[in-house]
Amino acid sequence: MTVFEAVPERLRQRAQWVCWRIEHRDGEETKVPIKPYDERADGEADHPYAASTDPDTWRSFETAVAYHRDGRERTDGVGFVFARDDIVAGVDLDDVRDPDTREVEPWARDVIERLDSYTEVSPSGTGYHVYVVGFHPGDRNKVPRTRRSRRSSRVSWNCTMTAGSSR
């Protein structure tokens, strides 16, 4: 089984996929969404950025994977975009896993076990992304980093995936 085959079919069949890459902005590393296609047929450069709020910049899972595999120098992985009208929601658990020991914060392990859904280690290796079927009670929910670091979302957010990550 390849890393991409581990992604559940229910997610793979949605045309809510982008690629992503690490960029440095204001002295910080950030993961930015990249269009999984070359927009202009005439070869002229156009900005490569996808938008979590613009479905016209998203593509099928197969297209995003192929674009990533064909040009690893331009992308670091693939990502899923959460859409307002979809029943897929995401939970982002940050800074809950030691990448060396693989030890997980007990409260985070409890969240993962209770959700009992497709879960990946985040590209940084220090967190988890959990994909669930259900409706989110609002647009976003982020707990401040001073408390338990988690975020759940259904809209205007793309989630980088470990599947196929070159990091």
N, C-alpha and C. Protein backbone atom coordinates (compact mmCIF):
# COMPACT_ATOMS: atom_id res chain seq x y z
N MET A 1 0.85 -1.18 0.00
CA MET A 1 0.00 0.00 0.00
C MET A 1 0.89 1.24 0.00
N THR A 2 0.61 2.18 -0.88
CA THR A 2 1.35 3.45 -0.89
C THR A 2 0.76 4.38 0.14
N VAL A 3 1.47 5.45 0.46
CA VAL A 3 0.96 6.40 1.45
C VAL A 3 -0.33 7.04 0.97
N PHE A 4 -0.47 7.22 -0.33
CA PHE A 4 -1.70 7.84 -0.84
C PHE A 4 -2.88 6.87 -0.78
N GLU A 5 -2.63 5.60 -0.86
CA GLU A 5 -3.72 4.62 -0.77
C GLU A 5 -4.32 4.56 0.62
N ALA A 6 -3.60 5.05 1.63
CA ALA A 6 -4.11 5.06 2.99
C ALA A 6 -5.23 6.09 3.19
N VAL A 7 -5.30 7.07 2.30
CA VAL A 7 -6.34 8.09 2.41
C VAL A 7 -7.68 7.45 2.07
N PRO A 8 -8.68 7.57 2.94
CA PRO A 8 -9.96 6.91 2.71
C PRO A 8 -10.64 7.37 1.41
N GLU A 9 -11.31 6.46 0.77
CA GLU A 9 -12.02 6.75 -0.48
C GLU A 9 -13.00 7.91 -0.31
N ARG A 10 -13.64 7.97 0.83
CA ARG A 10 -14.61 9.05 1.07
C ARG A 10 -13.97 10.43 0.93
N LEU A 11 -12.71 10.56 1.29
CA LEU A 11 -11.99 11.82 1.10
C LEU A 11 -11.47 11.93 -0.32
N ARG A 12 -10.95 10.83 -0.86
CA ARG A 12 -10.35 10.85 -2.19
C ARG A 12 -11.35 11.22 -3.27
N GLN A 13 -12.61 10.90 -3.10
CA GLN A 13 -13.59 11.16 -4.15
C GLN A 13 -14.06 12.62 -4.20
N ARG A 14 -13.65 13.44 -3.25
CA ARG A 14 -14.04 14.85 -3.25
C ARG A 14 -13.02 15.68 -4.04
N ALA A 15 -13.50 16.62 -4.82
CA ALA A 15 -12.62 17.51 -5.59
C ALA A 15 -12.27 18.73 -4.75
N GLN A 16 -11.63 18.46 -3.61
CA GLN A 16 -11.27 19.50 -2.64
C GLN A 16 -9.79 19.40 -2.29
N TRP A 17 -8.97 19.16 -3.30
CA TRP A 17 -7.56 18.90 -3.08
C TRP A 17 -6.68 19.98 -3.68
N VAL A 18 -5.63 20.31 -2.96
CA VAL A 18 -4.59 21.23 -3.41
C VAL A 18 -3.25 20.59 -3.08
N CYS A 19 -2.18 21.20 -3.52
CA CYS A 19 -0.86 20.83 -3.06
C CYS A 19 -0.42 21.89 -2.05
N TRP A 20 0.70 21.69 -1.42
CA TRP A 20 1.22 22.68 -0.49
C TRP A 20 2.74 22.66 -0.53
N ARG A 21 3.32 23.78 -0.08
CA ARG A 21 4.77 23.83 0.05
C ARG A 21 5.13 24.78 1.20
N ILE A 22 6.31 24.56 1.71
CA ILE A 22 6.83 25.41 2.78
C ILE A 22 7.40 26.68 2.15
N GLU A 23 7.02 27.81 2.70
CA GLU A 23 7.61 29.09 2.32
C GLU A 23 7.98 29.83 3.58
N HIS A 24 8.93 30.73 3.46
CA HIS A 24 9.35 31.55 4.59
C HIS A 24 8.73 32.93 4.43
N ARG A 25 7.95 33.30 5.43
CA ARG A 25 7.29 34.61 5.44
C ARG A 25 7.50 35.24 6.81
N ASP A 26 7.99 36.45 6.80
CA ASP A 26 8.25 37.17 8.04
C ASP A 26 9.12 36.36 9.00
N GLY A 27 10.10 35.64 8.45
CA GLY A 27 11.03 34.87 9.26
C GLY A 27 10.48 33.57 9.81
N GLU A 28 9.28 33.19 9.40
CA GLU A 28 8.64 31.97 9.89
C GLU A 28 8.36 31.02 8.73
N GLU A 29 8.42 29.71 9.00
CA GLU A 29 7.99 28.73 8.01
C GLU A 29 6.48 28.65 8.03
N THR A 30 5.88 28.62 6.86
CA THR A 30 4.43 28.44 6.76
C THR A 30 4.13 27.52 5.59
N LYS A 31 3.06 26.77 5.71
CA LYS A 31 2.64 25.87 4.64
C LYS A 31 1.57 26.59 3.82
N VAL A 32 1.86 26.81 2.55
CA VAL A 32 0.92 27.55 1.71
C VAL A 32 0.28 26.61 0.68
N PRO A 33 -1.01 26.81 0.40
CA PRO A 33 -1.68 25.97 -0.60
C PRO A 33 -1.25 26.36 -2.01
N ILE A 34 -0.98 25.37 -2.83
CA ILE A 34 -0.53 25.55 -4.21
C ILE A 34 -1.55 24.89 -5.14
N LYS A 35 -1.87 25.57 -6.24
CA LYS A 35 -2.77 24.99 -7.24
C LYS A 35 -2.14 23.71 -7.78
N PRO A 36 -2.90 22.65 -7.85
CA PRO A 36 -2.34 21.39 -8.36
C PRO A 36 -2.46 21.28 -9.89
N TYR A 37 -2.16 22.36 -10.57
CA TYR A 37 -2.22 22.39 -12.03
C TYR A 37 -1.49 23.62 -12.52
N ASP A 38 -1.08 23.59 -13.77
CA ASP A 38 -0.48 24.76 -14.41
C ASP A 38 -1.60 25.49 -15.11
N GLU A 39 -1.90 26.70 -14.66
CA GLU A 39 -3.09 27.41 -15.11
C GLU A 39 -3.03 27.87 -16.56
N ARG A 40 -1.90 28.34 -16.99
CA ARG A 40 -1.84 28.95 -18.31
C ARG A 40 -1.21 28.01 -19.33
N ALA A 41 -1.93 27.74 -20.36
CA ALA A 41 -1.45 26.85 -21.41
C ALA A 41 -0.37 27.51 -22.26
N ASP A 42 -0.28 28.83 -22.25
CA ASP A 42 0.70 29.53 -23.08
C ASP A 42 2.09 29.57 -22.45
N GLY A 43 2.25 28.96 -21.28
CA GLY A 43 3.55 28.89 -20.65
C GLY A 43 3.93 30.11 -19.83
N GLU A 44 3.13 31.14 -19.87
CA GLU A 44 3.41 32.34 -19.07
C GLU A 44 3.19 32.03 -17.59
N ALA A 45 4.01 32.61 -16.77
CA ALA A 45 3.91 32.37 -15.33
C ALA A 45 2.66 33.05 -14.77
N ASP A 46 1.99 32.37 -13.89
CA ASP A 46 0.86 32.92 -13.16
C ASP A 46 1.09 32.54 -11.70
N HIS A 47 0.48 33.25 -10.78
CA HIS A 47 0.73 32.91 -9.37
C HIS A 47 0.26 31.48 -9.11
N PRO A 48 1.04 30.75 -8.34
CA PRO A 48 0.75 29.33 -8.14
C PRO A 48 -0.19 29.04 -6.97
N TYR A 49 -0.67 30.06 -6.27
CA TYR A 49 -1.36 29.82 -5.00
C TYR A 49 -2.82 29.43 -5.17
N ALA A 50 -3.19 28.41 -4.42
CA ALA A 50 -4.60 28.02 -4.31
C ALA A 50 -5.19 28.82 -3.16
N ALA A 51 -6.51 28.81 -3.08
CA ALA A 51 -7.18 29.52 -1.99
C ALA A 51 -8.20 28.59 -1.33
N SER A 52 -8.18 28.58 -0.01
CA SER A 52 -9.12 27.73 0.71
C SER A 52 -10.55 28.21 0.54
N THR A 53 -10.72 29.42 0.04
CA THR A 53 -12.06 29.98 -0.17
C THR A 53 -12.48 29.98 -1.65
N ASP A 54 -11.65 29.43 -2.54
CA ASP A 54 -11.95 29.44 -3.97
C ASP A 54 -11.92 28.04 -4.57
N PRO A 55 -13.06 27.39 -4.68
CA PRO A 55 -13.12 26.02 -5.21
C PRO A 55 -12.56 25.88 -6.63
N ASP A 56 -12.48 27.00 -7.38
CA ASP A 56 -11.90 26.93 -8.72
C ASP A 56 -10.41 26.60 -8.68
N THR A 57 -9.77 26.74 -7.52
CA THR A 57 -8.35 26.42 -7.40
C THR A 57 -8.10 25.03 -6.83
N TRP A 58 -9.16 24.27 -6.60
CA TRP A 58 -9.06 22.91 -6.07
C TRP A 58 -9.21 21.93 -7.21
N ARG A 59 -8.74 20.71 -7.01
CA ARG A 59 -8.85 19.66 -8.03
C ARG A 59 -9.13 18.33 -7.35
N SER A 60 -9.20 17.29 -8.17
CA SER A 60 -9.42 15.94 -7.66
C SER A 60 -8.18 15.45 -6.93
N PHE A 61 -8.37 14.45 -6.12
CA PHE A 61 -7.26 13.82 -5.40
C PHE A 61 -6.20 13.33 -6.38
N GLU A 62 -6.64 12.64 -7.44
CA GLU A 62 -5.70 12.09 -8.41
C GLU A 62 -4.87 13.19 -9.07
N THR A 63 -5.52 14.31 -9.40
CA THR A 63 -4.81 15.42 -10.03
C THR A 63 -3.78 16.01 -9.08
N ALA A 64 -4.15 16.22 -7.83
CA ALA A 64 -3.21 16.78 -6.85
C ALA A 64 -2.03 15.85 -6.62
N VAL A 65 -2.30 14.56 -6.49
CA VAL A 65 -1.22 13.59 -6.28
C VAL A 65 -0.29 13.57 -7.49
N ALA A 66 -0.85 13.54 -8.68
CA ALA A 66 -0.02 13.52 -9.90
C ALA A 66 0.82 14.78 -10.00
N TYR A 67 0.24 15.93 -9.73
CA TYR A 67 0.98 17.19 -9.80
C TYR A 67 2.14 17.19 -8.80
N HIS A 68 1.86 16.71 -7.60
CA HIS A 68 2.91 16.63 -6.57
C HIS A 68 4.01 15.66 -6.99
N ARG A 69 3.65 14.50 -7.45
CA ARG A 69 4.66 13.50 -7.85
C ARG A 69 5.49 13.97 -9.04
N ASP A 70 4.87 14.68 -9.95
CA ASP A 70 5.57 15.14 -11.16
C ASP A 70 6.47 16.34 -10.91
N GLY A 71 6.30 17.01 -9.79
CA GLY A 71 7.10 18.21 -9.56
C GLY A 71 7.41 18.43 -8.10
N ARG A 72 8.07 17.49 -7.48
CA ARG A 72 8.36 17.62 -6.05
C ARG A 72 9.21 18.84 -5.71
N GLU A 73 9.86 19.43 -6.71
CA GLU A 73 10.63 20.65 -6.42
C GLU A 73 9.71 21.84 -6.23
N ARG A 74 8.46 21.74 -6.66
CA ARG A 74 7.54 22.87 -6.52
C ARG A 74 6.51 22.67 -5.40
N THR A 75 6.36 21.44 -4.90
CA THR A 75 5.42 21.18 -3.81
C THR A 75 6.04 20.24 -2.79
N ASP A 76 5.52 20.30 -1.56
CA ASP A 76 5.99 19.41 -0.50
C ASP A 76 4.97 18.36 -0.11
N GLY A 77 3.75 18.45 -0.64
CA GLY A 77 2.73 17.46 -0.32
C GLY A 77 1.38 17.86 -0.88
N VAL A 78 0.36 17.12 -0.49
CA VAL A 78 -1.01 17.41 -0.90
C VAL A 78 -1.82 17.79 0.33
N GLY A 79 -2.91 18.52 0.11
CA GLY A 79 -3.75 18.95 1.22
C GLY A 79 -5.21 18.90 0.85
N PHE A 80 -6.04 18.76 1.85
CA PHE A 80 -7.49 18.70 1.69
C PHE A 80 -8.08 20.03 2.15
N VAL A 81 -9.06 20.54 1.39
CA VAL A 81 -9.71 21.80 1.75
C VAL A 81 -11.10 21.50 2.31
N PHE A 82 -11.39 22.05 3.46
CA PHE A 82 -12.71 21.88 4.06
C PHE A 82 -13.67 22.89 3.46
N ALA A 83 -14.82 22.42 3.00
CA ALA A 83 -15.79 23.28 2.33
C ALA A 83 -17.03 23.45 3.19
N ARG A 84 -17.61 24.62 3.11
CA ARG A 84 -18.79 24.96 3.92
C ARG A 84 -19.95 23.97 3.72
N ASP A 85 -20.16 23.51 2.50
CA ASP A 85 -21.32 22.66 2.21
C ASP A 85 -21.01 21.17 2.27
N ASP A 86 -19.90 20.79 2.83
CA ASP A 86 -19.49 19.40 2.89
C ASP A 86 -19.68 18.87 4.31
N ILE A 87 -19.77 17.56 4.43
CA ILE A 87 -19.93 16.97 5.76
C ILE A 87 -18.61 16.48 6.35
N VAL A 88 -17.49 16.79 5.71
CA VAL A 88 -16.19 16.43 6.26
C VAL A 88 -15.67 17.61 7.07
N ALA A 89 -15.29 17.33 8.29
CA ALA A 89 -14.71 18.35 9.17
C ALA A 89 -13.34 17.86 9.63
N GLY A 90 -12.53 18.77 10.13
CA GLY A 90 -11.19 18.40 10.56
C GLY A 90 -10.87 18.89 11.95
N VAL A 91 -10.06 18.12 12.63
CA VAL A 91 -9.55 18.50 13.94
C VAL A 91 -8.03 18.50 13.84
N ASP A 92 -7.42 19.61 14.20
CA ASP A 92 -5.98 19.80 14.11
C ASP A 92 -5.44 19.84 15.52
N LEU A 93 -4.67 18.85 15.89
CA LEU A 93 -4.08 18.79 17.23
C LEU A 93 -2.60 19.14 17.11
N ASP A 94 -2.22 20.31 17.56
CA ASP A 94 -0.85 20.80 17.43
C ASP A 94 -0.04 20.55 18.70
N ASP A 95 1.25 20.28 18.50
CA ASP A 95 2.20 20.17 19.61
C ASP A 95 1.76 19.18 20.69
N VAL A 96 1.30 18.02 20.26
CA VAL A 96 0.83 16.99 21.20
C VAL A 96 1.62 15.69 21.10
N ARG A 97 2.62 15.67 20.21
CA ARG A 97 3.36 14.44 19.94
C ARG A 97 4.86 14.74 19.89
N ASP A 98 5.63 13.92 20.56
CA ASP A 98 7.09 14.02 20.47
C ASP A 98 7.52 13.20 19.25
N PRO A 99 8.11 13.85 18.23
CA PRO A 99 8.46 13.11 17.01
C PRO A 99 9.56 12.07 17.21
N ASP A 100 10.38 12.22 18.25
CA ASP A 100 11.45 11.26 18.50
C ASP A 100 10.95 10.02 19.25
N THR A 101 10.16 10.24 20.30
CA THR A 101 9.68 9.12 21.11
C THR A 101 8.31 8.63 20.66
N ARG A 102 7.61 9.46 19.86
CA ARG A 102 6.24 9.19 19.42
C ARG A 102 5.24 9.20 20.58
N GLU A 103 5.66 9.75 21.70
CA GLU A 103 4.78 9.86 22.86
C GLU A 103 3.73 10.94 22.58
N VAL A 104 2.48 10.63 22.99
CA VAL A 104 1.35 11.53 22.72
C VAL A 104 0.76 12.02 24.04
N GLU A 105 0.41 13.30 24.06
CA GLU A 105 -0.27 13.86 25.24
C GLU A 105 -1.52 13.03 25.51
N PRO A 106 -1.76 12.65 26.75
CA PRO A 106 -2.93 11.81 27.07
C PRO A 106 -4.26 12.40 26.60
N TRP A 107 -4.45 13.71 26.77
CA TRP A 107 -5.72 14.31 26.36
C TRP A 107 -5.90 14.21 24.85
N ALA A 108 -4.81 14.32 24.09
CA ALA A 108 -4.89 14.23 22.63
C ALA A 108 -5.21 12.79 22.20
N ARG A 109 -4.58 11.83 22.85
CA ARG A 109 -4.87 10.43 22.55
C ARG A 109 -6.35 10.14 22.81
N ASP A 110 -6.89 10.72 23.88
CA ASP A 110 -8.30 10.54 24.20
C ASP A 110 -9.19 11.12 23.09
N VAL A 111 -8.86 12.32 22.59
CA VAL A 111 -9.63 12.93 21.49
C VAL A 111 -9.59 12.03 20.27
N ILE A 112 -8.41 11.56 19.89
CA ILE A 112 -8.25 10.70 18.72
C ILE A 112 -9.07 9.41 18.87
N GLU A 113 -8.98 8.79 20.03
CA GLU A 113 -9.72 7.55 20.26
C GLU A 113 -11.23 7.77 20.25
N ARG A 114 -11.69 8.87 20.81
CA ARG A 114 -13.13 9.16 20.84
C ARG A 114 -13.67 9.44 19.45
N LEU A 115 -12.88 10.14 18.63
CA LEU A 115 -13.34 10.45 17.28
C LEU A 115 -13.33 9.22 16.39
N ASP A 116 -12.40 8.29 16.64
CA ASP A 116 -12.36 7.01 15.93
C ASP A 116 -12.53 7.20 14.42
N SER A 117 -11.64 7.99 13.83
CA SER A 117 -11.74 8.33 12.42
C SER A 117 -10.35 8.35 11.80
N TYR A 118 -10.29 8.62 10.50
CA TYR A 118 -9.00 8.67 9.81
C TYR A 118 -8.12 9.75 10.43
N THR A 119 -6.94 9.37 10.87
CA THR A 119 -6.02 10.26 11.56
C THR A 119 -4.63 10.12 10.97
N GLU A 120 -3.95 11.25 10.79
CA GLU A 120 -2.58 11.25 10.31
C GLU A 120 -1.71 12.07 11.25
N VAL A 121 -0.44 11.69 11.33
CA VAL A 121 0.54 12.54 11.99
C VAL A 121 0.74 13.74 11.08
N SER A 122 0.80 14.92 11.64
CA SER A 122 0.98 16.13 10.83
C SER A 122 2.37 16.13 10.19
N PRO A 123 2.56 16.89 9.10
CA PRO A 123 3.86 16.93 8.44
C PRO A 123 5.02 17.30 9.37
N SER A 124 4.77 18.10 10.40
CA SER A 124 5.83 18.47 11.34
C SER A 124 6.23 17.31 12.23
N GLY A 125 5.34 16.32 12.35
CA GLY A 125 5.59 15.18 13.23
C GLY A 125 5.20 15.44 14.68
N THR A 126 4.73 16.66 14.97
CA THR A 126 4.42 17.02 16.36
C THR A 126 2.93 17.09 16.66
N GLY A 127 2.10 16.75 15.71
CA GLY A 127 0.65 16.84 15.92
C GLY A 127 -0.09 15.80 15.11
N TYR A 128 -1.40 15.95 15.09
CA TYR A 128 -2.27 15.04 14.34
C TYR A 128 -3.35 15.82 13.62
N HIS A 129 -3.78 15.29 12.50
CA HIS A 129 -4.95 15.77 11.78
C HIS A 129 -5.96 14.64 11.79
N VAL A 130 -7.17 14.93 12.24
CA VAL A 130 -8.24 13.93 12.29
C VAL A 130 -9.35 14.41 11.36
N TYR A 131 -9.77 13.55 10.46
CA TYR A 131 -10.84 13.85 9.50
C TYR A 131 -12.08 13.10 9.94
N VAL A 132 -13.18 13.83 10.10
CA VAL A 132 -14.41 13.22 10.59
C VAL A 132 -15.58 13.59 9.68
N VAL A 133 -16.62 12.77 9.71
CA VAL A 133 -17.85 13.09 9.01
C VAL A 133 -18.79 13.67 10.05
N GLY A 134 -19.28 14.85 9.76
CA GLY A 134 -20.17 15.51 10.69
C GLY A 134 -20.22 16.99 10.42
N PHE A 135 -21.10 17.65 11.09
CA PHE A 135 -21.25 19.08 10.91
C PHE A 135 -20.63 19.82 12.08
N HIS A 136 -19.89 20.83 11.77
CA HIS A 136 -19.23 21.65 12.76
C HIS A 136 -20.21 22.73 13.23
N PRO A 137 -20.29 22.98 14.53
CA PRO A 137 -21.24 23.97 15.03
C PRO A 137 -20.74 25.40 14.87
N GLY A 138 -20.58 25.83 13.63
CA GLY A 138 -20.06 27.16 13.35
C GLY A 138 -18.93 27.06 12.35
N ASP A 139 -18.28 28.17 12.07
CA ASP A 139 -17.23 28.18 11.07
C ASP A 139 -15.92 27.60 11.58
N ARG A 140 -15.46 28.06 12.71
CA ARG A 140 -14.17 27.64 13.25
C ARG A 140 -14.23 27.56 14.76
N ASN A 141 -13.29 26.83 15.30
CA ASN A 141 -13.18 26.75 16.74
C ASN A 141 -11.71 26.51 17.04
N LYS A 142 -11.06 27.48 17.62
CA LYS A 142 -9.65 27.33 17.95
C LYS A 142 -9.45 27.61 19.42
N VAL A 143 -8.83 26.67 20.08
CA VAL A 143 -8.49 26.84 21.49
C VAL A 143 -7.13 27.51 21.54
N PRO A 144 -6.97 28.58 22.32
CA PRO A 144 -5.68 29.28 22.37
C PRO A 144 -4.53 28.34 22.72
N ARG A 145 -3.36 28.63 22.19
CA ARG A 145 -2.18 27.79 22.43
C ARG A 145 -1.81 27.71 23.90
N THR A 146 -2.25 28.64 24.71
CA THR A 146 -1.93 28.59 26.13
C THR A 146 -2.68 27.47 26.82
N ARG A 147 -3.70 26.97 26.17
CA ARG A 147 -4.44 25.82 26.70
C ARG A 147 -4.15 24.66 25.78
N ARG A 148 -5.02 23.74 25.71
CA ARG A 148 -4.84 22.61 24.80
C ARG A 148 -4.90 23.12 23.37
N SER A 149 -3.90 22.76 22.59
CA SER A 149 -3.77 23.31 21.25
C SER A 149 -4.51 22.43 20.24
N ARG A 150 -5.68 22.88 19.87
CA ARG A 150 -6.46 22.14 18.88
C ARG A 150 -7.34 23.11 18.13
N ARG A 151 -7.69 22.73 16.92
CA ARG A 151 -8.54 23.56 16.08
C ARG A 151 -9.44 22.61 15.31
N SER A 152 -10.67 23.00 15.15
CA SER A 152 -11.55 22.22 14.29
C SER A 152 -12.19 23.18 13.30
N SER A 153 -12.48 22.68 12.12
CA SER A 153 -12.95 23.58 11.09
C SER A 153 -13.73 22.85 10.03
N ARG A 154 -14.60 23.58 9.36
CA ARG A 154 -15.28 23.08 8.18
C ARG A 154 -15.11 24.05 7.02
N VAL A 155 -14.69 25.25 7.26
CA VAL A 155 -14.63 26.24 6.18
C VAL A 155 -13.34 27.02 6.18
N SER A 156 -12.96 27.49 5.00
CA SER A 156 -11.83 28.40 4.82
C SER A 156 -10.55 27.90 5.47
N TRP A 157 -10.28 26.63 5.34
CA TRP A 157 -9.07 26.08 5.92
C TRP A 157 -8.65 24.90 5.08
N ASN A 158 -7.39 24.85 4.73
CA ASN A 158 -6.89 23.66 4.06
C ASN A 158 -5.96 22.95 5.02
N CYS A 159 -5.97 21.66 4.97
CA CYS A 159 -5.20 20.84 5.91
C CYS A 159 -4.13 20.09 5.15
N THR A 160 -2.87 20.34 5.48
CA THR A 160 -1.79 19.60 4.85
C THR A 160 -1.87 18.15 5.31
N MET A 161 -1.56 17.25 4.40
CA MET A 161 -1.61 15.83 4.74
C MET A 161 -0.22 15.24 4.76
N THR A 162 -0.04 14.21 5.56
CA THR A 162 1.23 13.51 5.62
C THR A 162 1.41 12.63 4.40
N ALA A 163 0.33 12.12 3.87
CA ALA A 163 0.41 11.23 2.71
C ALA A 163 1.20 11.92 1.60
N GLY A 164 2.31 11.34 1.27
CA GLY A 164 3.12 11.87 0.18
C GLY A 164 3.96 13.07 0.55
N SER A 165 4.02 13.41 1.82
CA SER A 165 4.83 14.55 2.24
C SER A 165 6.30 14.23 2.01
N SER A 166 7.03 15.21 1.51
CA SER A 166 8.46 15.00 1.29
C SER A 166 9.28 15.43 2.48
N ARG A 167 8.63 15.82 3.57
CA ARG A 167 9.34 16.26 4.77
C ARG A 167 9.52 15.09 5.70
